[in-house]
Amino acid sequence: KSEVEKFLPGKTQVILKCDMSAWQKLYYKQVTDVGRVGLQTVKGKSKSLQNLTMQLRKCCNHPYLFVGRDYDMWKKPEIVRASGKF
């Protein structure tokens, strides 16, 4: 590792911002609307907030994460259009 490390260039991090797809925006709005109500009624807010955060991450990563485990859907061309980052 130390021998290879000498020849590698420095790490460059690039952050690209992109809009969410319409489907992602819909899920995001639904999660935040439900989350607001849920956080107001739940006493164990820490766990509820962590769950809400995870659901929002799923919205941003790809809306198909909310769909069941139908593995054939991952082969369809719509998978690219469903996410803003593709």
PDB file of N, CA and C in Angstrom:
ATOM      1  N   LYS A   1       0.829  -1.195   0.000  1.00  0.00           N
ATOM      2  CA  LYS A   1       0.000   0.000   0.000  1.00  0.00           C
ATOM      3  C   LYS A   1       0.869   1.253   0.000  1.00  0.00           C
ATOM      4  N   SER A   2       1.870   1.289   0.831  1.00  0.00           N
ATOM      5  CA  SER A   2       2.701   2.490   0.914  1.00  0.00           C
ATOM      6  C   SER A   2       3.498   2.712  -0.372  1.00  0.00           C
ATOM      7  N   GLU A   3       3.863   1.629  -1.082  1.00  0.00           N
ATOM      8  CA  GLU A   3       4.593   1.775  -2.339  1.00  0.00           C
ATOM      9  C   GLU A   3       3.690   2.328  -3.446  1.00  0.00           C
ATOM     10  N   VAL A   4       2.465   1.864  -3.490  1.00  0.00           N
ATOM     11  CA  VAL A   4       1.528   2.328  -4.511  1.00  0.00           C
ATOM     12  C   VAL A   4       1.119   3.765  -4.237  1.00  0.00           C
ATOM     13  N   GLU A   5       0.964   4.099  -2.974  1.00  0.00           N
ATOM     14  CA  GLU A   5       0.509   5.425  -2.571  1.00  0.00           C
ATOM     15  C   GLU A   5       1.410   6.539  -3.098  1.00  0.00           C
ATOM     16  N   LYS A   6       2.676   6.281  -3.234  1.00  0.00           N
ATOM     17  CA  LYS A   6       3.625   7.298  -3.688  1.00  0.00           C
ATOM     18  C   LYS A   6       3.357   7.728  -5.122  1.00  0.00           C
ATOM     19  N   PHE A   7       2.801   6.833  -5.925  1.00  0.00           N
ATOM     20  CA  PHE A   7       2.618   7.120  -7.342  1.00  0.00           C
ATOM     21  C   PHE A   7       1.221   7.630  -7.693  1.00  0.00           C
ATOM     22  N   LEU A   8       0.339   7.627  -6.735  1.00  0.00           N
ATOM     23  CA  LEU A   8      -1.020   8.086  -7.000  1.00  0.00           C
ATOM     24  C   LEU A   8      -1.110   9.604  -6.882  1.00  0.00           C
ATOM     25  N   PRO A   9      -1.862  10.241  -7.773  1.00  0.00           N
ATOM     26  CA  PRO A   9      -2.057  11.693  -7.648  1.00  0.00           C
ATOM     27  C   PRO A   9      -2.957  11.999  -6.455  1.00  0.00           C
ATOM     28  N   GLY A  10      -2.953  13.228  -6.024  1.00  0.00           N
ATOM     29  CA  GLY A  10      -3.801  13.634  -4.907  1.00  0.00           C
ATOM     30  C   GLY A  10      -5.276  13.487  -5.250  1.00  0.00           C
ATOM     31  N   LYS A  11      -6.075  13.263  -4.246  1.00  0.00           N
ATOM     32  CA  LYS A  11      -7.513  13.068  -4.432  1.00  0.00           C
ATOM     33  C   LYS A  11      -8.183  14.404  -4.741  1.00  0.00           C
ATOM     34  N   THR A  12      -9.031  14.394  -5.741  1.00  0.00           N
ATOM     35  CA  THR A  12      -9.800  15.575  -6.096  1.00  0.00           C
ATOM     36  C   THR A  12     -11.275  15.248  -5.941  1.00  0.00           C
ATOM     37  N   GLN A  13     -11.962  16.025  -5.154  1.00  0.00           N
ATOM     38  CA  GLN A  13     -13.384  15.794  -4.938  1.00  0.00           C
ATOM     39  C   GLN A  13     -14.175  16.836  -5.708  1.00  0.00           C
ATOM     40  N   VAL A  14     -15.125  16.371  -6.505  1.00  0.00           N
ATOM     41  CA  VAL A  14     -15.970  17.257  -7.288  1.00  0.00           C
ATOM     42  C   VAL A  14     -17.419  17.021  -6.869  1.00  0.00           C
ATOM     43  N   ILE A  15     -18.102  18.072  -6.511  1.00  0.00           N
ATOM     44  CA  ILE A  15     -19.509  17.969  -6.119  1.00  0.00           C
ATOM     45  C   ILE A  15     -20.353  18.543  -7.249  1.00  0.00           C
ATOM     46  N   LEU A  16     -21.197  17.703  -7.799  1.00  0.00           N
ATOM     47  CA  LEU A  16     -22.102  18.124  -8.860  1.00  0.00           C
ATOM     48  C   LEU A  16     -23.511  18.186  -8.297  1.00  0.00           C
ATOM     49  N   LYS A  17     -24.153  19.311  -8.456  1.00  0.00           N
ATOM     50  CA  LYS A  17     -25.525  19.453  -7.972  1.00  0.00           C
ATOM     51  C   LYS A  17     -26.481  19.223  -9.136  1.00  0.00           C
ATOM     52  N   CYS A  18     -27.529  18.467  -8.874  1.00  0.00           N
ATOM     53  CA  CYS A  18     -28.519  18.184  -9.914  1.00  0.00           C
ATOM     54  C   CYS A  18     -29.911  18.217  -9.292  1.00  0.00           C
ATOM     55  N   ASP A  19     -30.881  18.501 -10.127  1.00  0.00           N
ATOM     56  CA  ASP A  19     -32.263  18.529  -9.662  1.00  0.00           C
ATOM     57  C   ASP A  19     -32.791  17.110  -9.499  1.00  0.00           C
ATOM     58  N   MET A  20     -33.741  16.961  -8.600  1.00  0.00           N
ATOM     59  CA  MET A  20     -34.402  15.668  -8.445  1.00  0.00           C
ATOM     60  C   MET A  20     -35.414  15.495  -9.571  1.00  0.00           C
ATOM     61  N   SER A  21     -35.700  14.255  -9.899  1.00  0.00           N
ATOM     62  CA  SER A  21     -36.737  13.981 -10.898  1.00  0.00           C
ATOM     63  C   SER A  21     -38.101  14.283 -10.272  1.00  0.00           C
ATOM     64  N   ALA A  22     -39.118  14.335 -11.102  1.00  0.00           N
ATOM     65  CA  ALA A  22     -40.474  14.607 -10.596  1.00  0.00           C
ATOM     66  C   ALA A  22     -40.901  13.544  -9.593  1.00  0.00           C
ATOM     67  N   TRP A  23     -40.542  12.311  -9.856  1.00  0.00           N
ATOM     68  CA  TRP A  23     -40.897  11.208  -8.965  1.00  0.00           C
ATOM     69  C   TRP A  23     -40.190  11.359  -7.618  1.00  0.00           C
ATOM     70  N   GLN A  24     -38.922  11.749  -7.650  1.00  0.00           N
ATOM     71  CA  GLN A  24     -38.175  11.958  -6.411  1.00  0.00           C
ATOM     72  C   GLN A  24     -38.783  13.105  -5.608  1.00  0.00           C
ATOM     73  N   LYS A  25     -39.163  14.185  -6.281  1.00  0.00           N
ATOM     74  CA  LYS A  25     -39.769  15.328  -5.593  1.00  0.00           C
ATOM     75  C   LYS A  25     -41.083  14.931  -4.922  1.00  0.00           C
ATOM     76  N   LEU A  26     -41.857  14.095  -5.613  1.00  0.00           N
ATOM     77  CA  LEU A  26     -43.123  13.627  -5.052  1.00  0.00           C
ATOM     78  C   LEU A  26     -42.891  12.835  -3.772  1.00  0.00           C
ATOM     79  N   TYR A  27     -41.976  11.869  -3.818  1.00  0.00           N
ATOM     80  CA  TYR A  27     -41.663  11.076  -2.625  1.00  0.00           C
ATOM     81  C   TYR A  27     -41.107  11.961  -1.512  1.00  0.00           C
ATOM     82  N   TYR A  28     -40.246  12.904  -1.861  1.00  0.00           N
ATOM     83  CA  TYR A  28     -39.636  13.792  -0.875  1.00  0.00           C
ATOM     84  C   TYR A  28     -40.725  14.583  -0.142  1.00  0.00           C
ATOM     85  N   LYS A  29     -41.665  15.128  -0.907  1.00  0.00           N
ATOM     86  CA  LYS A  29     -42.760  15.893  -0.295  1.00  0.00           C
ATOM     87  C   LYS A  29     -43.612  15.003   0.604  1.00  0.00           C
ATOM     88  N   GLN A  30     -43.915  13.786   0.142  1.00  0.00           N
ATOM     89  CA  GLN A  30     -44.716  12.876   0.956  1.00  0.00           C
ATOM     90  C   GLN A  30     -44.000  12.522   2.257  1.00  0.00           C
ATOM     91  N   VAL A  31     -42.705  12.266   2.173  1.00  0.00           N
ATOM     92  CA  VAL A  31     -41.940  11.904   3.375  1.00  0.00           C
ATOM     93  C   VAL A  31     -41.889  13.075   4.346  1.00  0.00           C
ATOM     94  N   THR A  32     -41.668  14.283   3.851  1.00  0.00           N
ATOM     95  CA  THR A  32     -41.586  15.435   4.756  1.00  0.00           C
ATOM     96  C   THR A  32     -42.946  15.767   5.360  1.00  0.00           C
ATOM     97  N   ASP A  33     -44.016  15.644   4.583  1.00  0.00           N
ATOM     98  CA  ASP A  33     -45.352  15.917   5.127  1.00  0.00           C
ATOM     99  C   ASP A  33     -45.712  14.924   6.227  1.00  0.00           C
ATOM    100  N   VAL A  34     -45.487  13.652   5.979  1.00  0.00           N
ATOM    101  CA  VAL A  34     -45.773  12.618   6.977  1.00  0.00           C
ATOM    102  C   VAL A  34     -44.819  12.756   8.158  1.00  0.00           C
ATOM    103  N   GLY A  35     -43.569  13.087   7.886  1.00  0.00           N
ATOM    104  CA  GLY A  35     -42.559  13.215   8.933  1.00  0.00           C
ATOM    105  C   GLY A  35     -42.866  14.321   9.917  1.00  0.00           C
ATOM    106  N   ARG A  36     -43.383  15.437   9.421  1.00  0.00           N
ATOM    107  CA  ARG A  36     -43.729  16.547  10.321  1.00  0.00           C
ATOM    108  C   ARG A  36     -44.782  16.116  11.335  1.00  0.00           C
ATOM    109  N   VAL A  37     -45.784  15.430  10.860  1.00  0.00           N
ATOM    110  CA  VAL A  37     -46.846  14.955  11.750  1.00  0.00           C
ATOM    111  C   VAL A  37     -46.286  13.910  12.699  1.00  0.00           C
ATOM    112  N   GLY A  38     -45.489  12.985  12.176  1.00  0.00           N
ATOM    113  CA  GLY A  38     -44.934  11.913  12.997  1.00  0.00           C
ATOM    114  C   GLY A  38     -44.014  12.423  14.081  1.00  0.00           C
ATOM    115  N   LEU A  39     -43.194  13.418  13.777  1.00  0.00           N
ATOM    116  CA  LEU A  39     -42.267  13.947  14.778  1.00  0.00           C
ATOM    117  C   LEU A  39     -42.997  14.693  15.885  1.00  0.00           C
ATOM    118  N   GLN A  40     -44.135  15.277  15.566  1.00  0.00           N
ATOM    119  CA  GLN A  40     -44.891  15.995  16.583  1.00  0.00           C
ATOM    120  C   GLN A  40     -45.576  15.037  17.553  1.00  0.00           C
ATOM    121  N   THR A  41     -45.913  13.838  17.101  1.00  0.00           N
ATOM    122  CA  THR A  41     -46.674  12.925  17.951  1.00  0.00           C
ATOM    123  C   THR A  41     -45.819  11.879  18.652  1.00  0.00           C
ATOM    124  N   VAL A  42     -44.584  11.668  18.199  1.00  0.00           N
ATOM    125  CA  VAL A  42     -43.738  10.613  18.759  1.00  0.00           C
ATOM    126  C   VAL A  42     -42.871  11.183  19.870  1.00  0.00           C
ATOM    127  N   LYS A  43     -42.820  10.477  21.007  1.00  0.00           N
ATOM    128  CA  LYS A  43     -41.990  10.953  22.110  1.00  0.00           C
ATOM    129  C   LYS A  43     -40.532  10.575  21.914  1.00  0.00           C
ATOM    130  N   GLY A  44     -40.246   9.398  21.358  1.00  0.00           N
ATOM    131  CA  GLY A  44     -38.871   8.979  21.074  1.00  0.00           C
ATOM    132  C   GLY A  44     -38.411   9.605  19.773  1.00  0.00           C
ATOM    133  N   LYS A  45     -38.248  10.915  19.759  1.00  0.00           N
ATOM    134  CA  LYS A  45     -37.989  11.661  18.532  1.00  0.00           C
ATOM    135  C   LYS A  45     -36.678  11.277  17.859  1.00  0.00           C
ATOM    136  N   SER A  46     -35.697  10.838  18.614  1.00  0.00           N
ATOM    137  CA  SER A  46     -34.399  10.520  18.031  1.00  0.00           C
ATOM    138  C   SER A  46     -34.516   9.417  16.986  1.00  0.00           C
ATOM    139  N   LYS A  47     -35.179   8.343  17.334  1.00  0.00           N
ATOM    140  CA  LYS A  47     -35.338   7.227  16.398  1.00  0.00           C
ATOM    141  C   LYS A  47     -36.213   7.642  15.223  1.00  0.00           C
ATOM    142  N   SER A  48     -37.263   8.393  15.504  1.00  0.00           N
ATOM    143  CA  SER A  48     -38.154   8.851  14.450  1.00  0.00           C
ATOM    144  C   SER A  48     -37.422   9.785  13.487  1.00  0.00           C
ATOM    145  N   LEU A  49     -36.573  10.644  14.004  1.00  0.00           N
ATOM    146  CA  LEU A  49     -35.809  11.568  13.171  1.00  0.00           C
ATOM    147  C   LEU A  49     -34.799  10.810  12.310  1.00  0.00           C
ATOM    148  N   GLN A  50     -34.178   9.775  12.874  1.00  0.00           N
ATOM    149  CA  GLN A  50     -33.241   8.961  12.094  1.00  0.00           C
ATOM    150  C   GLN A  50     -33.968   8.260  10.950  1.00  0.00           C
ATOM    151  N   ASN A  51     -35.152   7.753  11.217  1.00  0.00           N
ATOM    152  CA  ASN A  51     -35.939   7.096  10.182  1.00  0.00           C
ATOM    153  C   ASN A  51     -36.314   8.092   9.085  1.00  0.00           C
ATOM    154  N   LEU A  52     -36.740   9.276   9.478  1.00  0.00           N
ATOM    155  CA  LEU A  52     -37.094  10.311   8.512  1.00  0.00           C
ATOM    156  C   LEU A  52     -35.885  10.669   7.648  1.00  0.00           C
ATOM    157  N   THR A  53     -34.737  10.808   8.272  1.00  0.00           N
ATOM    158  CA  THR A  53     -33.513  11.126   7.535  1.00  0.00           C
ATOM    159  C   THR A  53     -33.182  10.031   6.529  1.00  0.00           C
ATOM    160  N   MET A  54     -33.329   8.784   6.917  1.00  0.00           N
ATOM    161  CA  MET A  54     -33.050   7.667   6.006  1.00  0.00           C
ATOM    162  C   MET A  54     -34.026   7.667   4.834  1.00  0.00           C
ATOM    163  N   GLN A  55     -35.290   7.963   5.093  1.00  0.00           N
ATOM    164  CA  GLN A  55     -36.275   8.008   4.010  1.00  0.00           C
ATOM    165  C   GLN A  55     -35.956   9.135   3.024  1.00  0.00           C
ATOM    166  N   LEU A  56     -35.499  10.269   3.530  1.00  0.00           N
ATOM    167  CA  LEU A  56     -35.122  11.380   2.650  1.00  0.00           C
ATOM    168  C   LEU A  56     -33.892  11.024   1.817  1.00  0.00           C
ATOM    169  N   ARG A  57     -32.947  10.298   2.413  1.00  0.00           N
ATOM    170  CA  ARG A  57     -31.774   9.838   1.655  1.00  0.00           C
ATOM    171  C   ARG A  57     -32.199   8.905   0.528  1.00  0.00           C
ATOM    172  N   LYS A  58     -33.163   8.030   0.824  1.00  0.00           N
ATOM    173  CA  LYS A  58     -33.660   7.121  -0.209  1.00  0.00           C
ATOM    174  C   LYS A  58     -34.297   7.906  -1.353  1.00  0.00           C
ATOM    175  N   CYS A  59     -35.029   8.968  -1.030  1.00  0.00           N
ATOM    176  CA  CYS A  59     -35.624   9.815  -2.074  1.00  0.00           C
ATOM    177  C   CYS A  59     -34.545  10.385  -2.984  1.00  0.00           C
ATOM    178  N   CYS A  60     -33.486  10.864  -2.380  1.00  0.00           N
ATOM    179  CA  CYS A  60     -32.421  11.503  -3.151  1.00  0.00           C
ATOM    180  C   CYS A  60     -31.594  10.495  -3.940  1.00  0.00           C
ATOM    181  N   ASN A  61     -31.378   9.305  -3.403  1.00  0.00           N
ATOM    182  CA  ASN A  61     -30.576   8.301  -4.102  1.00  0.00           C
ATOM    183  C   ASN A  61     -31.317   7.738  -5.308  1.00  0.00           C
ATOM    184  N   HIS A  62     -32.505   7.228  -5.105  1.00  0.00           N
ATOM    185  CA  HIS A  62     -33.299   6.711  -6.217  1.00  0.00           C
ATOM    186  C   HIS A  62     -34.694   6.350  -5.726  1.00  0.00           C
ATOM    187  N   PRO A  63     -35.744   6.783  -6.430  1.00  0.00           N
ATOM    188  CA  PRO A  63     -37.108   6.509  -5.974  1.00  0.00           C
ATOM    189  C   PRO A  63     -37.475   5.029  -6.012  1.00  0.00           C
ATOM    190  N   TYR A  64     -36.775   4.216  -6.790  1.00  0.00           N
ATOM    191  CA  TYR A  64     -37.075   2.783  -6.835  1.00  0.00           C
ATOM    192  C   TYR A  64     -36.761   2.103  -5.504  1.00  0.00           C
ATOM    193  N   LEU A  65     -36.055   2.772  -4.615  1.00  0.00           N
ATOM    194  CA  LEU A  65     -35.774   2.195  -3.303  1.00  0.00           C
ATOM    195  C   LEU A  65     -37.046   2.066  -2.462  1.00  0.00           C
ATOM    196  N   PHE A  66     -38.110   2.765  -2.852  1.00  0.00           N
ATOM    197  CA  PHE A  66     -39.383   2.670  -2.138  1.00  0.00           C
ATOM    198  C   PHE A  66     -40.264   1.556  -2.687  1.00  0.00           C
ATOM    199  N   VAL A  67     -39.915   1.036  -3.840  1.00  0.00           N
ATOM    200  CA  VAL A  67     -40.706  -0.002  -4.499  1.00  0.00           C
ATOM    201  C   VAL A  67     -40.268  -1.358  -3.971  1.00  0.00           C
ATOM    202  N   GLY A  68     -41.146  -2.346  -4.068  1.00  0.00           N
ATOM    203  CA  GLY A  68     -40.820  -3.691  -3.606  1.00  0.00           C
ATOM    204  C   GLY A  68     -39.629  -4.292  -4.343  1.00  0.00           C
ATOM    205  N   ARG A  69     -39.282  -5.505  -4.017  1.00  0.00           N
ATOM    206  CA  ARG A  69     -38.098  -6.159  -4.568  1.00  0.00           C
ATOM    207  C   ARG A  69     -38.402  -6.905  -5.864  1.00  0.00           C
ATOM    208  N   ASP A  70     -38.859  -6.220  -6.856  1.00  0.00           N
ATOM    209  CA  ASP A  70     -39.074  -6.807  -8.174  1.00  0.00           C
ATOM    210  C   ASP A  70     -37.793  -6.584  -8.974  1.00  0.00           C
ATOM    211  N   TYR A  71     -36.982  -7.603  -9.057  1.00  0.00           N
ATOM    212  CA  TYR A  71     -35.658  -7.448  -9.660  1.00  0.00           C
ATOM    213  C   TYR A  71     -35.710  -7.194 -11.162  1.00  0.00           C
ATOM    214  N   ASP A  72     -36.810  -7.523 -11.823  1.00  0.00           N
ATOM    215  CA  ASP A  72     -36.915  -7.250 -13.253  1.00  0.00           C
ATOM    216  C   ASP A  72     -37.012  -5.761 -13.545  1.00  0.00           C
ATOM    217  N   MET A  73     -37.513  -4.979 -12.578  1.00  0.00           N
ATOM    218  CA  MET A  73     -37.656  -3.549 -12.821  1.00  0.00           C
ATOM    219  C   MET A  73     -36.300  -2.867 -12.993  1.00  0.00           C
ATOM    220  N   TRP A  74     -35.243  -3.438 -12.443  1.00  0.00           N
ATOM    221  CA  TRP A  74     -33.915  -2.827 -12.552  1.00  0.00           C
ATOM    222  C   TRP A  74     -33.350  -2.942 -13.967  1.00  0.00           C
ATOM    223  N   LYS A  75     -33.962  -3.761 -14.793  1.00  0.00           N
ATOM    224  CA  LYS A  75     -33.502  -3.933 -16.170  1.00  0.00           C
ATOM    225  C   LYS A  75     -34.198  -2.973 -17.130  1.00  0.00           C
ATOM    226  N   LYS A  76     -35.186  -2.268 -16.669  1.00  0.00           N
ATOM    227  CA  LYS A  76     -35.981  -1.389 -17.526  1.00  0.00           C
ATOM    228  C   LYS A  76     -35.268  -0.052 -17.743  1.00  0.00           C
ATOM    229  N   PRO A  77     -35.473   0.579 -18.915  1.00  0.00           N
ATOM    230  CA  PRO A  77     -34.812   1.864 -19.195  1.00  0.00           C
ATOM    231  C   PRO A  77     -35.320   3.014 -18.324  1.00  0.00           C
ATOM    232  N   GLU A  78     -36.497   2.869 -17.736  1.00  0.00           N
ATOM    233  CA  GLU A  78     -37.045   3.950 -16.896  1.00  0.00           C
ATOM    234  C   GLU A  78     -36.205   4.196 -15.649  1.00  0.00           C
ATOM    235  N   ILE A  79     -35.378   3.241 -15.302  1.00  0.00           N
ATOM    236  CA  ILE A  79     -34.570   3.378 -14.084  1.00  0.00           C
ATOM    237  C   ILE A  79     -33.670   4.613 -14.159  1.00  0.00           C
ATOM    238  N   VAL A  80     -33.218   4.941 -15.363  1.00  0.00           N
ATOM    239  CA  VAL A  80     -32.341   6.097 -15.539  1.00  0.00           C
ATOM    240  C   VAL A  80     -33.138   7.388 -15.428  1.00  0.00           C
ATOM    241  N   ARG A  81     -34.308   7.442 -16.020  1.00  0.00           N
ATOM    242  CA  ARG A  81     -35.117   8.661 -15.984  1.00  0.00           C
ATOM    243  C   ARG A  81     -35.694   8.940 -14.601  1.00  0.00           C
ATOM    244  N   ALA A  82     -35.825   7.916 -13.774  1.00  0.00           N
ATOM    245  CA  ALA A  82     -36.462   8.074 -12.466  1.00  0.00           C
ATOM    246  C   ALA A  82     -35.598   8.836 -11.477  1.00  0.00           C
ATOM    247  N   SER A  83     -34.305   8.918 -11.726  1.00  0.00           N
ATOM    248  CA  SER A  83     -33.404   9.597 -10.799  1.00  0.00           C
ATOM    249  C   SER A  83     -32.766  10.801 -11.476  1.00  0.00           C
ATOM    250  N   GLY A  84     -32.746  11.920 -10.788  1.00  0.00           N
ATOM    251  CA  GLY A  84     -32.167  13.134 -11.347  1.00  0.00           C
ATOM    252  C   GLY A  84     -30.675  13.063 -11.575  1.00  0.00           C
ATOM    253  N   LYS A  85     -29.974  12.212 -10.837  1.00  0.00           N
ATOM    254  CA  LYS A  85     -28.518  12.171 -10.953  1.00  0.00           C
ATOM    255  C   LYS A  85     -28.031  11.346 -12.135  1.00  0.00           C
ATOM    256  N   PHE A  86     -28.923  10.595 -12.770  1.00  0.00           N
ATOM    257  CA  PHE A  86     -28.515   9.830 -13.952  1.00  0.00           C
ATOM    258  C   PHE A  86     -28.752  10.687 -15.130  1.00  0.00           C
TER     259      PHE A  86
END
